[in-house]
């Protein structure tokens, strides 16, 4: 994930080396939340990370980030 964020920064022409990154997840059983927290833990070593349940956020909150990472739970074999 860290490499992908760095590639995004390079391609987007963003003027900051440490953009605000919002990780938003939707989780029914807790698995997606657990993965989101693992990603946040790794990225927080380099970037300004904020993590939040998508059900508890607003459009305005999401718009305050330069980079968004979204996680959604699936059922069975990847059905949304």
PDB file of N, CA and C in Angstrom:
ATOM      1  N   UNK A   1       0.819  -1.186   0.000  1.00  0.00           N
ATOM      2  CA  UNK A   1       0.000   0.000   0.000  1.00  0.00           C
ATOM      3  C   UNK A   1       0.869   1.259   0.000  1.00  0.00           C
ATOM      4  N   UNK A   2       1.975   1.201   0.719  1.00  0.00           N
ATOM      5  CA  UNK A   2       2.847   2.381   0.798  1.00  0.00           C
ATOM      6  C   UNK A   2       3.393   2.738  -0.583  1.00  0.00           C
ATOM      7  N   UNK A   3       3.805   1.745  -1.342  1.00  0.00           N
ATOM      8  CA  UNK A   3       4.330   2.005  -2.682  1.00  0.00           C
ATOM      9  C   UNK A   3       3.256   2.598  -3.581  1.00  0.00           C
ATOM     10  N   UNK A   4       2.023   2.101  -3.480  1.00  0.00           N
ATOM     11  CA  UNK A   4       0.932   2.632  -4.298  1.00  0.00           C
ATOM     12  C   UNK A   4       0.668   4.091  -3.974  1.00  0.00           C
ATOM     13  N   UNK A   5       0.699   4.451  -2.691  1.00  0.00           N
ATOM     14  CA  UNK A   5       0.483   5.842  -2.304  1.00  0.00           C
ATOM     15  C   UNK A   5       1.608   6.708  -2.847  1.00  0.00           C
ATOM     16  N   UNK A   6       2.836   6.238  -2.754  1.00  0.00           N
ATOM     17  CA  UNK A   6       3.967   7.008  -3.274  1.00  0.00           C
ATOM     18  C   UNK A   6       3.862   7.187  -4.788  1.00  0.00           C
ATOM     19  N   UNK A   7       3.423   6.160  -5.501  1.00  0.00           N
ATOM     20  CA  UNK A   7       3.236   6.268  -6.950  1.00  0.00           C
ATOM     21  C   UNK A   7       2.126   7.269  -7.271  1.00  0.00           C
ATOM     22  N   UNK A   8       1.057   7.251  -6.479  1.00  0.00           N
ATOM     23  CA  UNK A   8      -0.030   8.209  -6.684  1.00  0.00           C
ATOM     24  C   UNK A   8       0.481   9.638  -6.530  1.00  0.00           C
ATOM     25  N   UNK A   9       1.262   9.873  -5.486  1.00  0.00           N
ATOM     26  CA  UNK A   9       1.805  11.210  -5.239  1.00  0.00           C
ATOM     27  C   UNK A   9       2.629  11.667  -6.433  1.00  0.00           C
ATOM     28  N   UNK A  10       3.466  10.780  -6.949  1.00  0.00           N
ATOM     29  CA  UNK A  10       4.312  11.124  -8.091  1.00  0.00           C
ATOM     30  C   UNK A  10       3.474  11.432  -9.330  1.00  0.00           C
ATOM     31  N   UNK A  11       2.447  10.637  -9.578  1.00  0.00           N
ATOM     32  CA  UNK A  11       1.622  10.818 -10.775  1.00  0.00           C
ATOM     33  C   UNK A  11       0.664  11.995 -10.672  1.00  0.00           C
ATOM     34  N   UNK A  12       0.206  12.295  -9.474  1.00  0.00           N
ATOM     35  CA  UNK A  12      -0.807  13.338  -9.316  1.00  0.00           C
ATOM     36  C   UNK A  12      -0.228  14.743  -9.316  1.00  0.00           C
ATOM     37  N   UNK A  13       1.071  14.848  -9.122  1.00  0.00           N
ATOM     38  CA  UNK A  13       1.673  16.171  -9.064  1.00  0.00           C
ATOM     39  C   UNK A  13       1.345  16.906  -7.785  1.00  0.00           C
ATOM     40  N   UNK A  14       0.945  16.162  -6.771  1.00  0.00           N
ATOM     41  CA  UNK A  14       0.628  16.775  -5.483  1.00  0.00           C
ATOM     42  C   UNK A  14       1.870  17.455  -4.915  1.00  0.00           C
ATOM     43  N   UNK A  15       1.688  18.586  -4.263  1.00  0.00           N
ATOM     44  CA  UNK A  15       2.809  19.385  -3.776  1.00  0.00           C
ATOM     45  C   UNK A  15       3.318  18.965  -2.407  1.00  0.00           C
ATOM     46  N   UNK A  16       2.778  17.931  -1.845  1.00  0.00           N
ATOM     47  CA  UNK A  16       3.214  17.500  -0.524  1.00  0.00           C
ATOM     48  C   UNK A  16       3.776  16.089  -0.578  1.00  0.00           C
ATOM     49  N   UNK A  17       4.813  15.845   0.195  1.00  0.00           N
ATOM     50  CA  UNK A  17       5.373  14.499   0.231  1.00  0.00           C
ATOM     51  C   UNK A  17       4.629  13.634   1.244  1.00  0.00           C
ATOM     52  N   UNK A  18       3.779  14.246   2.059  1.00  0.00           N
ATOM     53  CA  UNK A  18       3.015  13.499   3.046  1.00  0.00           C
ATOM     54  C   UNK A  18       1.556  13.967   3.037  1.00  0.00           C
ATOM     55  N   UNK A  19       0.789  13.514   2.046  1.00  0.00           N
ATOM     56  CA  UNK A  19      -0.614  13.940   1.963  1.00  0.00           C
ATOM     57  C   UNK A  19      -1.439  13.349   3.098  1.00  0.00           C
ATOM     58  N   UNK A  20      -2.556  13.991   3.401  1.00  0.00           N
ATOM     59  CA  UNK A  20      -3.505  13.424   4.361  1.00  0.00           C
ATOM     60  C   UNK A  20      -4.216  12.269   3.669  1.00  0.00           C
ATOM     61  N   UNK A  21      -4.167  11.114   4.304  1.00  0.00           N
ATOM     62  CA  UNK A  21      -4.767   9.915   3.730  1.00  0.00           C
ATOM     63  C   UNK A  21      -5.909   9.462   4.621  1.00  0.00           C
ATOM     64  N   UNK A  22      -7.080   9.299   4.015  1.00  0.00           N
ATOM     65  CA  UNK A  22      -8.247   8.797   4.738  1.00  0.00           C
ATOM     66  C   UNK A  22      -8.506   7.355   4.349  1.00  0.00           C
ATOM     67  N   UNK A  23      -8.570   6.495   5.343  1.00  0.00           N
ATOM     68  CA  UNK A  23      -8.930   5.097   5.120  1.00  0.00           C
ATOM     69  C   UNK A  23     -10.335   4.917   5.663  1.00  0.00           C
ATOM     70  N   UNK A  24     -11.254   4.593   4.775  1.00  0.00           N
ATOM     71  CA  UNK A  24     -12.653   4.408   5.138  1.00  0.00           C
ATOM     72  C   UNK A  24     -13.044   2.971   4.833  1.00  0.00           C
ATOM     73  N   UNK A  25     -13.696   2.322   5.780  1.00  0.00           N
ATOM     74  CA  UNK A  25     -14.034   0.913   5.602  1.00  0.00           C
ATOM     75  C   UNK A  25     -15.501   0.684   5.959  1.00  0.00           C
ATOM     76  N   UNK A  26     -16.064  -0.342   5.349  1.00  0.00           N
ATOM     77  CA  UNK A  26     -17.386  -0.834   5.705  1.00  0.00           C
ATOM     78  C   UNK A  26     -17.216  -2.295   6.072  1.00  0.00           C
ATOM     79  N   UNK A  27     -17.618  -2.663   7.280  1.00  0.00           N
ATOM     80  CA  UNK A  27     -17.340  -4.013   7.758  1.00  0.00           C
ATOM     81  C   UNK A  27     -18.544  -4.571   8.500  1.00  0.00           C
ATOM     82  N   UNK A  28     -18.961  -5.770   8.126  1.00  0.00           N
ATOM     83  CA  UNK A  28     -20.068  -6.425   8.825  1.00  0.00           C
ATOM     84  C   UNK A  28     -19.565  -7.327   9.948  1.00  0.00           C
ATOM     85  N   UNK A  29     -18.505  -8.063   9.676  1.00  0.00           N
ATOM     86  CA  UNK A  29     -18.005  -9.039  10.654  1.00  0.00           C
ATOM     87  C   UNK A  29     -16.735  -8.573  11.359  1.00  0.00           C
ATOM     88  N   UNK A  30     -16.169  -7.460  10.910  1.00  0.00           N
ATOM     89  CA  UNK A  30     -14.946  -6.962  11.531  1.00  0.00           C
ATOM     90  C   UNK A  30     -13.679  -7.269  10.741  1.00  0.00           C
ATOM     91  N   UNK A  31     -13.778  -8.121   9.728  1.00  0.00           N
ATOM     92  CA  UNK A  31     -12.579  -8.472   8.955  1.00  0.00           C
ATOM     93  C   UNK A  31     -12.046  -7.296   8.144  1.00  0.00           C
ATOM     94  N   UNK A  32     -12.930  -6.560   7.481  1.00  0.00           N
ATOM     95  CA  UNK A  32     -12.494  -5.408   6.683  1.00  0.00           C
ATOM     96  C   UNK A  32     -11.897  -4.335   7.586  1.00  0.00           C
ATOM     97  N   UNK A  33     -12.490  -4.137   8.746  1.00  0.00           N
ATOM     98  CA  UNK A  33     -11.935  -3.177   9.699  1.00  0.00           C
ATOM     99  C   UNK A  33     -10.536  -3.604  10.146  1.00  0.00           C
ATOM    100  N   UNK A  34     -10.349  -4.886  10.410  1.00  0.00           N
ATOM    101  CA  UNK A  34      -9.040  -5.382  10.846  1.00  0.00           C
ATOM    102  C   UNK A  34      -7.983  -5.146   9.774  1.00  0.00           C
ATOM    103  N   UNK A  35      -8.329  -5.404   8.520  1.00  0.00           N
ATOM    104  CA  UNK A  35      -7.382  -5.177   7.422  1.00  0.00           C
ATOM    105  C   UNK A  35      -7.095  -3.690   7.270  1.00  0.00           C
ATOM    106  N   UNK A  36      -8.138  -2.860   7.371  1.00  0.00           N
ATOM    107  CA  UNK A  36      -7.944  -1.405   7.276  1.00  0.00           C
ATOM    108  C   UNK A  36      -6.999  -0.915   8.367  1.00  0.00           C
ATOM    109  N   UNK A  37      -7.136  -1.450   9.572  1.00  0.00           N
ATOM    110  CA  UNK A  37      -6.257  -1.048  10.675  1.00  0.00           C
ATOM    111  C   UNK A  37      -4.817  -1.496  10.440  1.00  0.00           C
ATOM    112  N   UNK A  38      -4.629  -2.659   9.851  1.00  0.00           N
ATOM    113  CA  UNK A  38      -3.270  -3.127   9.529  1.00  0.00           C
ATOM    114  C   UNK A  38      -2.629  -2.216   8.489  1.00  0.00           C
ATOM    115  N   UNK A  39      -3.397  -1.843   7.471  1.00  0.00           N
ATOM    116  CA  UNK A  39      -2.882  -0.933   6.447  1.00  0.00           C
ATOM    117  C   UNK A  39      -2.559   0.418   7.073  1.00  0.00           C
ATOM    118  N   UNK A  40      -3.449   0.920   7.913  1.00  0.00           N
ATOM    119  CA  UNK A  40      -3.222   2.208   8.579  1.00  0.00           C
ATOM    120  C   UNK A  40      -1.969   2.161   9.439  1.00  0.00           C
ATOM    121  N   UNK A  41      -1.770   1.076  10.142  1.00  0.00           N
ATOM    122  CA  UNK A  41      -0.601   0.928  10.994  1.00  0.00           C
ATOM    123  C   UNK A  41       0.687   1.019  10.180  1.00  0.00           C
ATOM    124  N   UNK A  42       0.719   0.370   9.040  1.00  0.00           N
ATOM    125  CA  UNK A  42       1.912   0.406   8.191  1.00  0.00           C
ATOM    126  C   UNK A  42       2.121   1.784   7.567  1.00  0.00           C
ATOM    127  N   UNK A  43       1.056   2.361   7.039  1.00  0.00           N
ATOM    128  CA  UNK A  43       1.185   3.653   6.369  1.00  0.00           C
ATOM    129  C   UNK A  43       1.465   4.795   7.336  1.00  0.00           C
ATOM    130  N   UNK A  44       1.037   4.654   8.597  1.00  0.00           N
ATOM    131  CA  UNK A  44       1.222   5.738   9.564  1.00  0.00           C
ATOM    132  C   UNK A  44       2.687   5.966   9.909  1.00  0.00           C
ATOM    133  N   UNK A  45       3.546   5.048   9.530  1.00  0.00           N
ATOM    134  CA  UNK A  45       4.985   5.220   9.754  1.00  0.00           C
ATOM    135  C   UNK A  45       5.553   6.287   8.826  1.00  0.00           C
ATOM    136  N   UNK A  46       4.854   6.546   7.724  1.00  0.00           N
ATOM    137  CA  UNK A  46       5.332   7.487   6.714  1.00  0.00           C
ATOM    138  C   UNK A  46       4.358   8.631   6.445  1.00  0.00           C
ATOM    139  N   UNK A  47       3.058   8.360   6.546  1.00  0.00           N
ATOM    140  CA  UNK A  47       2.040   9.322   6.127  1.00  0.00           C
ATOM    141  C   UNK A  47       1.111   9.715   7.277  1.00  0.00           C
ATOM    142  N   UNK A  48       0.379  10.812   7.072  1.00  0.00           N
ATOM    143  CA  UNK A  48      -0.645  11.291   7.999  1.00  0.00           C
ATOM    144  C   UNK A  48      -1.926  10.518   7.706  1.00  0.00           C
ATOM    145  N   UNK A  49      -2.253   9.543   8.543  1.00  0.00           N
ATOM    146  CA  UNK A  49      -3.346   8.611   8.284  1.00  0.00           C
ATOM    147  C   UNK A  49      -4.510   8.852   9.240  1.00  0.00           C
ATOM    148  N   UNK A  50      -5.726   8.792   8.682  1.00  0.00           N
ATOM    149  CA  UNK A  50      -6.950   8.856   9.471  1.00  0.00           C
ATOM    150  C   UNK A  50      -7.818   7.687   9.031  1.00  0.00           C
ATOM    151  N   UNK A  51      -8.345   6.937   9.987  1.00  0.00           N
ATOM    152  CA  UNK A  51      -9.162   5.767   9.669  1.00  0.00           C
ATOM    153  C   UNK A  51     -10.546   5.933  10.293  1.00  0.00           C
ATOM    154  N   UNK A  52     -11.582   5.537   9.526  1.00  0.00           N
ATOM    155  CA  UNK A  52     -12.945   5.726  10.024  1.00  0.00           C
ATOM    156  C   UNK A  52     -13.909   4.778   9.337  1.00  0.00           C
ATOM    157  N   UNK A  53     -14.908   4.344  10.080  1.00  0.00           N
ATOM    158  CA  UNK A  53     -16.006   3.559   9.533  1.00  0.00           C
ATOM    159  C   UNK A  53     -16.797   4.456   8.578  1.00  0.00           C
ATOM    160  N   UNK A  54     -17.032   3.994   7.374  1.00  0.00           N
ATOM    161  CA  UNK A  54     -17.717   4.792   6.353  1.00  0.00           C
ATOM    162  C   UNK A  54     -19.125   5.185   6.808  1.00  0.00           C
ATOM    163  N   UNK A  55     -19.746   4.366   7.663  1.00  0.00           N
ATOM    164  CA  UNK A  55     -21.100   4.661   8.135  1.00  0.00           C
ATOM    165  C   UNK A  55     -21.125   5.855   9.083  1.00  0.00           C
ATOM    166  N   UNK A  56     -19.971   6.243   9.595  1.00  0.00           N
ATOM    167  CA  UNK A  56     -19.902   7.325  10.574  1.00  0.00           C
ATOM    168  C   UNK A  56     -19.200   8.565  10.031  1.00  0.00           C
ATOM    169  N   UNK A  57     -19.202   8.739   8.722  1.00  0.00           N
ATOM    170  CA  UNK A  57     -18.510   9.886   8.140  1.00  0.00           C
ATOM    171  C   UNK A  57     -19.447  10.673   7.240  1.00  0.00           C
ATOM    172  N   UNK A  58     -18.946  11.773   6.746  1.00  0.00           N
ATOM    173  CA  UNK A  58     -19.726  12.620   5.842  1.00  0.00           C
ATOM    174  C   UNK A  58     -18.940  12.859   4.558  1.00  0.00           C
ATOM    175  N   UNK A  59     -19.633  13.315   3.558  1.00  0.00           N
ATOM    176  CA  UNK A  59     -18.994  13.663   2.285  1.00  0.00           C
ATOM    177  C   UNK A  59     -17.918  14.721   2.521  1.00  0.00           C
ATOM    178  N   UNK A  60     -18.224  15.705   3.336  1.00  0.00           N
ATOM    179  CA  UNK A  60     -17.279  16.791   3.608  1.00  0.00           C
ATOM    180  C   UNK A  60     -16.014  16.268   4.282  1.00  0.00           C
ATOM    181  N   UNK A  61     -16.176  15.320   5.192  1.00  0.00           N
ATOM    182  CA  UNK A  61     -15.010  14.728   5.847  1.00  0.00           C
ATOM    183  C   UNK A  61     -14.126  14.018   4.824  1.00  0.00           C
ATOM    184  N   UNK A  62     -14.733  13.246   3.941  1.00  0.00           N
ATOM    185  CA  UNK A  62     -13.961  12.514   2.933  1.00  0.00           C
ATOM    186  C   UNK A  62     -13.249  13.472   1.981  1.00  0.00           C
ATOM    187  N   UNK A  63     -13.887  14.589   1.670  1.00  0.00           N
ATOM    188  CA  UNK A  63     -13.295  15.557   0.744  1.00  0.00           C
ATOM    189  C   UNK A  63     -12.083  16.275   1.337  1.00  0.00           C
ATOM    190  N   UNK A  64     -11.842  16.138   2.630  1.00  0.00           N
ATOM    191  CA  UNK A  64     -10.725  16.827   3.267  1.00  0.00           C
ATOM    192  C   UNK A  64      -9.390  16.086   3.103  1.00  0.00           C
ATOM    193  N   UNK A  65      -9.412  14.939   2.452  1.00  0.00           N
ATOM    194  CA  UNK A  65      -8.199  14.142   2.271  1.00  0.00           C
ATOM    195  C   UNK A  65      -7.700  14.226   0.838  1.00  0.00           C
ATOM    196  N   UNK A  66      -6.383  14.193   0.679  1.00  0.00           N
ATOM    197  CA  UNK A  66      -5.795  14.173  -0.663  1.00  0.00           C
ATOM    198  C   UNK A  66      -5.869  12.773  -1.276  1.00  0.00           C
ATOM    199  N   UNK A  67      -5.811  11.751  -0.427  1.00  0.00           N
ATOM    200  CA  UNK A  67      -5.840  10.359  -0.889  1.00  0.00           C
ATOM    201  C   UNK A  67      -6.895   9.608  -0.075  1.00  0.00           C
ATOM    202  N   UNK A  68      -7.729   8.822  -0.771  1.00  0.00           N
ATOM    203  CA  UNK A  68      -8.727   7.980  -0.115  1.00  0.00           C
ATOM    204  C   UNK A  68      -8.428   6.518  -0.389  1.00  0.00           C
ATOM    205  N   UNK A  69      -8.469   5.709   0.645  1.00  0.00           N
ATOM    206  CA  UNK A  69      -8.412   4.256   0.508  1.00  0.00           C
ATOM    207  C   UNK A  69      -9.734   3.731   1.053  1.00  0.00           C
ATOM    208  N   UNK A  70     -10.433   2.955   0.242  1.00  0.00           N
ATOM    209  CA  UNK A  70     -11.755   2.462   0.619  1.00  0.00           C
ATOM    210  C   UNK A  70     -11.736   0.950   0.713  1.00  0.00           C
ATOM    211  N   UNK A  71     -12.332   0.428   1.765  1.00  0.00           N
ATOM    212  CA  UNK A  71     -12.440  -1.019   1.934  1.00  0.00           C
ATOM    213  C   UNK A  71     -13.884  -1.402   2.152  1.00  0.00           C
ATOM    214  N   UNK A  72     -14.347  -2.397   1.406  1.00  0.00           N
ATOM    215  CA  UNK A  72     -15.732  -2.861   1.539  1.00  0.00           C
ATOM    216  C   UNK A  72     -15.742  -4.375   1.751  1.00  0.00           C
ATOM    217  N   UNK A  73     -16.627  -4.808   2.601  1.00  0.00           N
ATOM    218  CA  UNK A  73     -16.737  -6.246   2.851  1.00  0.00           C
ATOM    219  C   UNK A  73     -17.445  -6.925   1.689  1.00  0.00           C
ATOM    220  N   UNK A  74     -17.201  -8.206   1.562  1.00  0.00           N
ATOM    221  CA  UNK A  74     -17.853  -9.015   0.527  1.00  0.00           C
ATOM    222  C   UNK A  74     -18.437 -10.265   1.156  1.00  0.00           C
ATOM    223  N   UNK A  75     -19.288 -10.933   0.422  1.00  0.00           N
ATOM    224  CA  UNK A  75     -19.875 -12.192   0.856  1.00  0.00           C
ATOM    225  C   UNK A  75     -19.452 -13.302  -0.099  1.00  0.00           C
ATOM    226  N   UNK A  76     -19.372 -14.502   0.379  1.00  0.00           N
ATOM    227  CA  UNK A  76     -19.076 -15.701  -0.394  1.00  0.00           C
ATOM    228  C   UNK A  76     -17.787 -15.527  -1.182  1.00  0.00           C
ATOM    229  N   UNK A  77     -17.842 -15.452  -2.488  1.00  0.00           N
ATOM    230  CA  UNK A  77     -16.648 -15.399  -3.327  1.00  0.00           C
ATOM    231  C   UNK A  77     -16.434 -13.997  -3.890  1.00  0.00           C
ATOM    232  N   UNK A  78     -16.518 -12.982  -3.053  1.00  0.00           N
ATOM    233  CA  UNK A  78     -16.257 -11.632  -3.485  1.00  0.00           C
ATOM    234  C   UNK A  78     -17.465 -10.847  -3.927  1.00  0.00           C
ATOM    235  N   UNK A  79     -18.673 -11.358  -3.646  1.00  0.00           N
ATOM    236  CA  UNK A  79     -19.880 -10.632  -4.011  1.00  0.00           C
ATOM    237  C   UNK A  79     -20.073  -9.447  -3.077  1.00  0.00           C
ATOM    238  N   UNK A  80     -20.415  -8.290  -3.643  1.00  0.00           N
ATOM    239  CA  UNK A  80     -20.631  -7.100  -2.819  1.00  0.00           C
ATOM    240  C   UNK A  80     -22.039  -7.018  -2.310  1.00  0.00           C
TER     241      UNK A  80
END
